[in-house]
Amino acid sequence: MGFREQLLQQAGNSFLANDLNLLAPRIEIQGDRRVIIENHEGILEYGSEVMRVKSGRISVKITGDGLELANVTLNDLTVTGKIISVELL
């Protein structure tokens, strides 16, 4: 049994079990100025008004004004600007 499986077994049905899925996308919206996407798989569309990010089986479409990539790593990215909407496609 691997480390991930041991963690899931110990977490059982607790609220932490859902956070242990290391491959699932996690999206955090901070007000109307920042969106953080963890476990992304790349940028599909990049613009100052629309950004689309691949994350697992879905893509995340962020619409706004003055959108910029503030931080990008292999696992997560941060979009800043005036966020108008965040859609899961």
PDB file of N, CA and C in Angstrom:
ATOM      1  N   MET A   1       0.854  -1.180   0.000  1.00  0.00           N
ATOM      2  CA  MET A   1       0.000   0.000   0.000  1.00  0.00           C
ATOM      3  C   MET A   1       0.895   1.236   0.000  1.00  0.00           C
ATOM      4  N   GLY A   2       0.617   2.152  -0.921  1.00  0.00           N
ATOM      5  CA  GLY A   2       1.415   3.366  -1.045  1.00  0.00           C
ATOM      6  C   GLY A   2       1.035   4.417  -0.007  1.00  0.00           C
ATOM      7  N   PHE A   3       1.824   5.476   0.009  1.00  0.00           N
ATOM      8  CA  PHE A   3       1.612   6.565   0.972  1.00  0.00           C
ATOM      9  C   PHE A   3       0.235   7.194   0.810  1.00  0.00           C
ATOM     10  N   ARG A   4      -0.164   7.464  -0.443  1.00  0.00           N
ATOM     11  CA  ARG A   4      -1.470   8.092  -0.708  1.00  0.00           C
ATOM     12  C   ARG A   4      -2.609   7.220  -0.193  1.00  0.00           C
ATOM     13  N   GLU A   5      -2.521   5.924  -0.451  1.00  0.00           N
ATOM     14  CA  GLU A   5      -3.563   4.996  -0.004  1.00  0.00           C
ATOM     15  C   GLU A   5      -3.632   4.934   1.523  1.00  0.00           C
ATOM     16  N   GLN A   6      -2.467   4.992   2.184  1.00  0.00           N
ATOM     17  CA  GLN A   6      -2.449   4.993   3.646  1.00  0.00           C
ATOM     18  C   GLN A   6      -3.123   6.251   4.192  1.00  0.00           C
ATOM     19  N   LEU A   7      -2.836   7.394   3.579  1.00  0.00           N
ATOM     20  CA  LEU A   7      -3.486   8.642   4.015  1.00  0.00           C
ATOM     21  C   LEU A   7      -4.996   8.564   3.854  1.00  0.00           C
ATOM     22  N   LEU A   8      -5.439   8.072   2.689  1.00  0.00           N
ATOM     23  CA  LEU A   8      -6.884   7.969   2.451  1.00  0.00           C
ATOM     24  C   LEU A   8      -7.546   7.014   3.436  1.00  0.00           C
ATOM     25  N   GLN A   9      -6.891   5.908   3.741  1.00  0.00           N
ATOM     26  CA  GLN A   9      -7.445   4.942   4.687  1.00  0.00           C
ATOM     27  C   GLN A   9      -7.564   5.553   6.082  1.00  0.00           C
ATOM     28  N   GLN A  10      -6.548   6.294   6.512  1.00  0.00           N
ATOM     29  CA  GLN A  10      -6.578   6.921   7.828  1.00  0.00           C
ATOM     30  C   GLN A  10      -7.604   8.047   7.890  1.00  0.00           C
ATOM     31  N   ALA A  11      -7.784   8.763   6.794  1.00  0.00           N
ATOM     32  CA  ALA A  11      -8.742   9.876   6.780  1.00  0.00           C
ATOM     33  C   ALA A  11     -10.174   9.362   6.810  1.00  0.00           C
ATOM     34  N   GLY A  12     -10.409   8.188   6.213  1.00  0.00           N
ATOM     35  CA  GLY A  12     -11.746   7.605   6.218  1.00  0.00           C
ATOM     36  C   GLY A  12     -12.761   8.539   5.608  1.00  0.00           C
ATOM     37  N   ASN A  13     -13.848   8.772   6.314  1.00  0.00           N
ATOM     38  CA  ASN A  13     -14.925   9.629   5.830  1.00  0.00           C
ATOM     39  C   ASN A  13     -14.841  11.047   6.388  1.00  0.00           C
ATOM     40  N   SER A  14     -13.709  11.403   6.938  1.00  0.00           N
ATOM     41  CA  SER A  14     -13.583  12.736   7.513  1.00  0.00           C
ATOM     42  C   SER A  14     -13.570  13.789   6.408  1.00  0.00           C
ATOM     43  N   PHE A  15     -13.716  15.045   6.797  1.00  0.00           N
ATOM     44  CA  PHE A  15     -13.720  16.136   5.826  1.00  0.00           C
ATOM     45  C   PHE A  15     -12.369  16.268   5.129  1.00  0.00           C
ATOM     46  N   LEU A  16     -11.305  15.699   5.669  1.00  0.00           N
ATOM     47  CA  LEU A  16      -9.988  15.778   5.052  1.00  0.00           C
ATOM     48  C   LEU A  16      -9.830  14.828   3.876  1.00  0.00           C
ATOM     49  N   ALA A  17     -10.664  13.818   3.787  1.00  0.00           N
ATOM     50  CA  ALA A  17     -10.498  12.811   2.738  1.00  0.00           C
ATOM     51  C   ALA A  17     -10.578  13.424   1.349  1.00  0.00           C
ATOM     52  N   ASN A  18     -11.457  14.381   1.127  1.00  0.00           N
ATOM     53  CA  ASN A  18     -11.578  14.998  -0.194  1.00  0.00           C
ATOM     54  C   ASN A  18     -10.348  15.805  -0.554  1.00  0.00           C
ATOM     55  N   ASP A  19      -9.680  16.404   0.408  1.00  0.00           N
ATOM     56  CA  ASP A  19      -8.481  17.197   0.129  1.00  0.00           C
ATOM     57  C   ASP A  19      -7.267  16.333  -0.167  1.00  0.00           C
ATOM     58  N   LEU A  20      -7.337  15.039   0.107  1.00  0.00           N
ATOM     59  CA  LEU A  20      -6.194  14.165  -0.115  1.00  0.00           C
ATOM     60  C   LEU A  20      -6.101  13.659  -1.542  1.00  0.00           C
ATOM     61  N   ASN A  21      -7.080  13.944  -2.369  1.00  0.00           N
ATOM     62  CA  ASN A  21      -6.996  13.569  -3.774  1.00  0.00           C
ATOM     63  C   ASN A  21      -6.045  14.547  -4.451  1.00  0.00           C
ATOM     64  N   LEU A  22      -4.794  14.152  -4.560  1.00  0.00           N
ATOM     65  CA  LEU A  22      -3.748  15.048  -5.015  1.00  0.00           C
ATOM     66  C   LEU A  22      -3.847  15.400  -6.489  1.00  0.00           C
ATOM     67  N   LEU A  23      -4.649  14.668  -7.261  1.00  0.00           N
ATOM     68  CA  LEU A  23      -4.781  14.943  -8.687  1.00  0.00           C
ATOM     69  C   LEU A  23      -5.976  15.822  -9.009  1.00  0.00           C
ATOM     70  N   ALA A  24      -6.878  15.983  -8.065  1.00  0.00           N
ATOM     71  CA  ALA A  24      -8.080  16.775  -8.310  1.00  0.00           C
ATOM     72  C   ALA A  24      -7.730  18.263  -8.337  1.00  0.00           C
ATOM     73  N   PRO A  25      -8.370  19.008  -9.225  1.00  0.00           N
ATOM     74  CA  PRO A  25      -8.121  20.448  -9.237  1.00  0.00           C
ATOM     75  C   PRO A  25      -8.685  21.110  -7.988  1.00  0.00           C
ATOM     76  N   ARG A  26      -8.002  22.124  -7.541  1.00  0.00           N
ATOM     77  CA  ARG A  26      -8.487  22.916  -6.415  1.00  0.00           C
ATOM     78  C   ARG A  26      -8.452  24.366  -6.844  1.00  0.00           C
ATOM     79  N   ILE A  27      -9.593  25.035  -6.709  1.00  0.00           N
ATOM     80  CA  ILE A  27      -9.721  26.413  -7.163  1.00  0.00           C
ATOM     81  C   ILE A  27     -10.084  27.277  -5.968  1.00  0.00           C
ATOM     82  N   GLU A  28      -9.288  28.307  -5.751  1.00  0.00           N
ATOM     83  CA  GLU A  28      -9.532  29.238  -4.655  1.00  0.00           C
ATOM     84  C   GLU A  28      -9.765  30.627  -5.254  1.00  0.00           C
ATOM     85  N   ILE A  29     -10.896  31.222  -4.905  1.00  0.00           N
ATOM     86  CA  ILE A  29     -11.240  32.556  -5.389  1.00  0.00           C
ATOM     87  C   ILE A  29     -11.118  33.514  -4.219  1.00  0.00           C
ATOM     88  N   GLN A  30     -10.284  34.525  -4.376  1.00  0.00           N
ATOM     89  CA  GLN A  30     -10.066  35.498  -3.314  1.00  0.00           C
ATOM     90  C   GLN A  30     -10.666  36.829  -3.760  1.00  0.00           C
ATOM     91  N   GLY A  31     -11.902  37.066  -3.328  1.00  0.00           N
ATOM     92  CA  GLY A  31     -12.603  38.296  -3.691  1.00  0.00           C
ATOM     93  C   GLY A  31     -12.801  38.385  -5.180  1.00  0.00           C
ATOM     94  N   ASP A  32     -12.682  39.590  -5.727  1.00  0.00           N
ATOM     95  CA  ASP A  32     -12.821  39.762  -7.166  1.00  0.00           C
ATOM     96  C   ASP A  32     -11.488  40.151  -7.805  1.00  0.00           C
ATOM     97  N   ARG A  33     -10.379  39.778  -7.149  1.00  0.00           N
ATOM     98  CA  ARG A  33      -9.063  40.184  -7.638  1.00  0.00           C
ATOM     99  C   ARG A  33      -8.062  39.044  -7.856  1.00  0.00           C
ATOM    100  N   ARG A  34      -8.380  37.822  -7.406  1.00  0.00           N
ATOM    101  CA  ARG A  34      -7.383  36.746  -7.512  1.00  0.00           C
ATOM    102  C   ARG A  34      -8.055  35.381  -7.583  1.00  0.00           C
ATOM    103  N   VAL A  35      -7.542  34.521  -8.481  1.00  0.00           N
ATOM    104  CA  VAL A  35      -7.971  33.124  -8.564  1.00  0.00           C
ATOM    105  C   VAL A  35      -6.715  32.265  -8.564  1.00  0.00           C
ATOM    106  N   ILE A  36      -6.688  31.269  -7.683  1.00  0.00           N
ATOM    107  CA  ILE A  36      -5.556  30.341  -7.594  1.00  0.00           C
ATOM    108  C   ILE A  36      -6.061  28.964  -7.998  1.00  0.00           C
ATOM    109  N   ILE A  37      -5.379  28.345  -8.954  1.00  0.00           N
ATOM    110  CA  ILE A  37      -5.757  27.014  -9.423  1.00  0.00           C
ATOM    111  C   ILE A  37      -4.586  26.081  -9.147  1.00  0.00           C
ATOM    112  N   GLU A  38      -4.846  25.067  -8.322  1.00  0.00           N
ATOM    113  CA  GLU A  38      -3.833  24.063  -8.012  1.00  0.00           C
ATOM    114  C   GLU A  38      -4.082  22.827  -8.869  1.00  0.00           C
ATOM    115  N   ASN A  39      -3.037  22.114  -9.193  1.00  0.00           N
ATOM    116  CA  ASN A  39      -3.081  20.897 -10.009  1.00  0.00           C
ATOM    117  C   ASN A  39      -3.541  21.181 -11.432  1.00  0.00           C
ATOM    118  N   HIS A  40      -3.075  22.275 -12.016  1.00  0.00           N
ATOM    119  CA  HIS A  40      -3.430  22.589 -13.402  1.00  0.00           C
ATOM    120  C   HIS A  40      -2.572  21.767 -14.352  1.00  0.00           C
ATOM    121  N   GLU A  41      -3.034  21.690 -15.604  1.00  0.00           N
ATOM    122  CA  GLU A  41      -2.316  20.932 -16.628  1.00  0.00           C
ATOM    123  C   GLU A  41      -1.936  21.803 -17.814  1.00  0.00           C
ATOM    124  N   GLY A  42      -2.053  23.104 -17.666  1.00  0.00           N
ATOM    125  CA  GLY A  42      -1.631  23.988 -18.740  1.00  0.00           C
ATOM    126  C   GLY A  42      -2.650  25.069 -19.046  1.00  0.00           C
ATOM    127  N   ILE A  43      -2.186  26.064 -19.781  1.00  0.00           N
ATOM    128  CA  ILE A  43      -3.022  27.202 -20.155  1.00  0.00           C
ATOM    129  C   ILE A  43      -3.563  26.966 -21.555  1.00  0.00           C
ATOM    130  N   LEU A  44      -4.880  27.007 -21.711  1.00  0.00           N
ATOM    131  CA  LEU A  44      -5.524  26.789 -23.004  1.00  0.00           C
ATOM    132  C   LEU A  44      -5.758  28.089 -23.763  1.00  0.00           C
ATOM    133  N   GLU A  45      -6.030  29.150 -23.046  1.00  0.00           N
ATOM    134  CA  GLU A  45      -6.297  30.454 -23.661  1.00  0.00           C
ATOM    135  C   GLU A  45      -5.763  31.530 -22.726  1.00  0.00           C
ATOM    136  N   TYR A  46      -5.091  32.524 -23.317  1.00  0.00           N
ATOM    137  CA  TYR A  46      -4.495  33.573 -22.504  1.00  0.00           C
ATOM    138  C   TYR A  46      -4.832  34.927 -23.102  1.00  0.00           C
ATOM    139  N   GLY A  47      -5.463  35.781 -22.312  1.00  0.00           N
ATOM    140  CA  GLY A  47      -5.768  37.129 -22.749  1.00  0.00           C
ATOM    141  C   GLY A  47      -6.086  38.006 -21.555  1.00  0.00           C
ATOM    142  N   SER A  48      -6.183  39.296 -21.785  1.00  0.00           N
ATOM    143  CA  SER A  48      -6.454  40.212 -20.678  1.00  0.00           C
ATOM    144  C   SER A  48      -7.915  40.194 -20.250  1.00  0.00           C
ATOM    145  N   GLU A  49      -8.799  39.575 -21.073  1.00  0.00           N
ATOM    146  CA  GLU A  49     -10.221  39.504 -20.716  1.00  0.00           C
ATOM    147  C   GLU A  49     -10.708  38.085 -20.466  1.00  0.00           C
ATOM    148  N   VAL A  50     -10.025  37.080 -21.041  1.00  0.00           N
ATOM    149  CA  VAL A  50     -10.425  35.682 -20.861  1.00  0.00           C
ATOM    150  C   VAL A  50      -9.185  34.812 -20.721  1.00  0.00           C
ATOM    151  N   MET A  51      -9.220  33.918 -19.731  1.00  0.00           N
ATOM    152  CA  MET A  51      -8.189  32.894 -19.582  1.00  0.00           C
ATOM    153  C   MET A  51      -8.878  31.561 -19.367  1.00  0.00           C
ATOM    154  N   ARG A  52      -8.347  30.527 -20.010  1.00  0.00           N
ATOM    155  CA  ARG A  52      -8.851  29.170 -19.801  1.00  0.00           C
ATOM    156  C   ARG A  52      -7.683  28.287 -19.405  1.00  0.00           C
ATOM    157  N   VAL A  53      -7.901  27.483 -18.370  1.00  0.00           N
ATOM    158  CA  VAL A  53      -6.849  26.633 -17.812  1.00  0.00           C
ATOM    159  C   VAL A  53      -7.361  25.208 -17.760  1.00  0.00           C
ATOM    160  N   LYS A  54      -6.570  24.251 -18.240  1.00  0.00           N
ATOM    161  CA  LYS A  54      -6.915  22.833 -18.164  1.00  0.00           C
ATOM    162  C   LYS A  54      -6.565  22.327 -16.786  1.00  0.00           C
ATOM    163  N   SER A  55      -7.516  21.608 -16.184  1.00  0.00           N
ATOM    164  CA  SER A  55      -7.300  21.081 -14.843  1.00  0.00           C
ATOM    165  C   SER A  55      -8.098  19.795 -14.680  1.00  0.00           C
ATOM    166  N   GLY A  56      -7.434  18.671 -14.840  1.00  0.00           N
ATOM    167  CA  GLY A  56      -8.132  17.393 -14.763  1.00  0.00           C
ATOM    168  C   GLY A  56      -9.069  17.216 -15.940  1.00  0.00           C
ATOM    169  N   ARG A  57     -10.280  16.764 -15.662  1.00  0.00           N
ATOM    170  CA  ARG A  57     -11.264  16.545 -16.724  1.00  0.00           C
ATOM    171  C   ARG A  57     -12.024  17.806 -17.095  1.00  0.00           C
ATOM    172  N   ILE A  58     -11.732  18.899 -16.431  1.00  0.00           N
ATOM    173  CA  ILE A  58     -12.449  20.143 -16.699  1.00  0.00           C
ATOM    174  C   ILE A  58     -11.477  21.225 -17.155  1.00  0.00           C
ATOM    175  N   SER A  59     -12.051  22.285 -17.685  1.00  0.00           N
ATOM    176  CA  SER A  59     -11.263  23.494 -17.902  1.00  0.00           C
ATOM    177  C   SER A  59     -11.938  24.609 -17.108  1.00  0.00           C
ATOM    178  N   VAL A  60     -11.127  25.537 -16.662  1.00  0.00           N
ATOM    179  CA  VAL A  60     -11.602  26.655 -15.862  1.00  0.00           C
ATOM    180  C   VAL A  60     -11.496  27.909 -16.725  1.00  0.00           C
ATOM    181  N   LYS A  61     -12.629  28.577 -16.927  1.00  0.00           N
ATOM    182  CA  LYS A  61     -12.657  29.803 -17.725  1.00  0.00           C
ATOM    183  C   LYS A  61     -12.825  30.985 -16.785  1.00  0.00           C
ATOM    184  N   ILE A  62     -11.859  31.891 -16.835  1.00  0.00           N
ATOM    185  CA  ILE A  62     -11.884  33.088 -15.996  1.00  0.00           C
ATOM    186  C   ILE A  62     -12.102  34.276 -16.907  1.00  0.00           C
ATOM    187  N   THR A  63     -13.135  35.059 -16.621  1.00  0.00           N
ATOM    188  CA  THR A  63     -13.458  36.243 -17.407  1.00  0.00           C
ATOM    189  C   THR A  63     -13.272  37.462 -16.526  1.00  0.00           C
ATOM    190  N   GLY A  64     -12.709  38.530 -17.103  1.00  0.00           N
ATOM    191  CA  GLY A  64     -12.496  39.736 -16.317  1.00  0.00           C
ATOM    192  C   GLY A  64     -11.858  40.839 -17.133  1.00  0.00           C
ATOM    193  N   ASP A  65     -11.280  41.793 -16.443  1.00  0.00           N
ATOM    194  CA  ASP A  65     -10.574  42.915 -17.056  1.00  0.00           C
ATOM    195  C   ASP A  65      -9.160  42.982 -16.495  1.00  0.00           C
ATOM    196  N   GLY A  66      -8.194  43.204 -17.363  1.00  0.00           N
ATOM    197  CA  GLY A  66      -6.804  43.326 -16.927  1.00  0.00           C
ATOM    198  C   GLY A  66      -6.255  42.056 -16.313  1.00  0.00           C
ATOM    199  N   LEU A  67      -6.665  40.900 -16.828  1.00  0.00           N
ATOM    200  CA  LEU A  67      -6.196  39.632 -16.260  1.00  0.00           C
ATOM    201  C   LEU A  67      -4.726  39.416 -16.579  1.00  0.00           C
ATOM    202  N   GLU A  68      -4.001  38.904 -15.597  1.00  0.00           N
ATOM    203  CA  GLU A  68      -2.582  38.599 -15.731  1.00  0.00           C
ATOM    204  C   GLU A  68      -2.252  37.334 -14.963  1.00  0.00           C
ATOM    205  N   LEU A  69      -1.243  36.612 -15.427  1.00  0.00           N
ATOM    206  CA  LEU A  69      -0.711  35.497 -14.665  1.00  0.00           C
ATOM    207  C   LEU A  69       0.309  36.062 -13.689  1.00  0.00           C
ATOM    208  N   ALA A  70      -0.003  36.000 -12.422  1.00  0.00           N
ATOM    209  CA  ALA A  70       0.879  36.564 -11.404  1.00  0.00           C
ATOM    210  C   ALA A  70       1.924  35.554 -10.954  1.00  0.00           C
ATOM    211  N   ASN A  71       1.573  34.270 -11.032  1.00  0.00           N
ATOM    212  CA  ASN A  71       2.477  33.222 -10.565  1.00  0.00           C
ATOM    213  C   ASN A  71       2.144  31.937 -11.304  1.00  0.00           C
ATOM    214  N   VAL A  72       3.161  31.242 -11.806  1.00  0.00           N
ATOM    215  CA  VAL A  72       2.943  29.967 -12.482  1.00  0.00           C
ATOM    216  C   VAL A  72       4.053  29.008 -12.056  1.00  0.00           C
ATOM    217  N   THR A  73       3.630  27.839 -11.562  1.00  0.00           N
ATOM    218  CA  THR A  73       4.577  26.762 -11.285  1.00  0.00           C
ATOM    219  C   THR A  73       4.060  25.519 -11.987  1.00  0.00           C
ATOM    220  N   LEU A  74       4.748  24.404 -11.820  1.00  0.00           N
ATOM    221  CA  LEU A  74       4.279  23.165 -12.441  1.00  0.00           C
ATOM    222  C   LEU A  74       2.943  22.717 -11.873  1.00  0.00           C
ATOM    223  N   ASN A  75       2.638  23.081 -10.626  1.00  0.00           N
ATOM    224  CA  ASN A  75       1.425  22.599  -9.962  1.00  0.00           C
ATOM    225  C   ASN A  75       0.318  23.626  -9.844  1.00  0.00           C
ATOM    226  N   ASP A  76       0.660  24.899  -9.732  1.00  0.00           N
ATOM    227  CA  ASP A  76      -0.393  25.885  -9.516  1.00  0.00           C
ATOM    228  C   ASP A  76      -0.110  27.171 -10.270  1.00  0.00           C
ATOM    229  N   LEU A  77      -1.165  27.954 -10.418  1.00  0.00           N
ATOM    230  CA  LEU A  77      -1.029  29.263 -11.048  1.00  0.00           C
ATOM    231  C   LEU A  77      -1.993  30.235 -10.398  1.00  0.00           C
ATOM    232  N   THR A  78      -1.663  31.518 -10.522  1.00  0.00           N
ATOM    233  CA  THR A  78      -2.474  32.579  -9.937  1.00  0.00           C
ATOM    234  C   THR A  78      -2.808  33.587 -11.019  1.00  0.00           C
ATOM    235  N   VAL A  79      -4.099  33.882 -11.152  1.00  0.00           N
ATOM    236  CA  VAL A  79      -4.582  34.889 -12.092  1.00  0.00           C
ATOM    237  C   VAL A  79      -5.063  36.086 -11.267  1.00  0.00           C
ATOM    238  N   THR A  80      -4.590  37.276 -11.627  1.00  0.00           N
ATOM    239  CA  THR A  80      -5.011  38.495 -10.942  1.00  0.00           C
ATOM    240  C   THR A  80      -5.649  39.438 -11.943  1.00  0.00           C
ATOM    241  N   GLY A  81      -6.344  40.426 -11.437  1.00  0.00           N
ATOM    242  CA  GLY A  81      -7.061  41.401 -12.243  1.00  0.00           C
ATOM    243  C   GLY A  81      -8.464  41.550 -11.686  1.00  0.00           C
ATOM    244  N   LYS A  82      -9.339  42.195 -12.411  1.00  0.00           N
ATOM    245  CA  LYS A  82     -10.733  42.323 -12.016  1.00  0.00           C
ATOM    246  C   LYS A  82     -11.481  41.079 -12.485  1.00  0.00           C
ATOM    247  N   ILE A  83     -11.804  40.182 -11.559  1.00  0.00           N
ATOM    248  CA  ILE A  83     -12.460  38.905 -11.887  1.00  0.00           C
ATOM    249  C   ILE A  83     -13.964  39.140 -11.973  1.00  0.00           C
ATOM    250  N   ILE A  84     -14.535  38.814 -13.121  1.00  0.00           N
ATOM    251  CA  ILE A  84     -15.978  38.946 -13.306  1.00  0.00           C
ATOM    252  C   ILE A  84     -16.678  37.607 -13.115  1.00  0.00           C
ATOM    253  N   SER A  85     -16.105  36.525 -13.674  1.00  0.00           N
ATOM    254  CA  SER A  85     -16.717  35.216 -13.506  1.00  0.00           C
ATOM    255  C   SER A  85     -15.671  34.108 -13.594  1.00  0.00           C
ATOM    256  N   VAL A  86     -15.999  32.977 -12.960  1.00  0.00           N
ATOM    257  CA  VAL A  86     -15.192  31.777 -13.030  1.00  0.00           C
ATOM    258  C   VAL A  86     -16.148  30.639 -13.377  1.00  0.00           C
ATOM    259  N   GLU A  87     -15.896  29.989 -14.519  1.00  0.00           N
ATOM    260  CA  GLU A  87     -16.778  28.917 -14.982  1.00  0.00           C
ATOM    261  C   GLU A  87     -16.011  27.618 -15.067  1.00  0.00           C
ATOM    262  N   LEU A  88     -16.677  26.519 -14.728  1.00  0.00           N
ATOM    263  CA  LEU A  88     -16.118  25.177 -14.900  1.00  0.00           C
ATOM    264  C   LEU A  88     -16.753  24.581 -16.136  1.00  0.00           C
ATOM    265  N   LEU A  89     -15.930  24.235 -17.117  1.00  0.00           N
ATOM    266  CA  LEU A  89     -16.441  23.718 -18.390  1.00  0.00           C
ATOM    267  C   LEU A  89     -16.064  22.267 -18.571  1.00  0.00           C
TER     268      LEU A  89
END
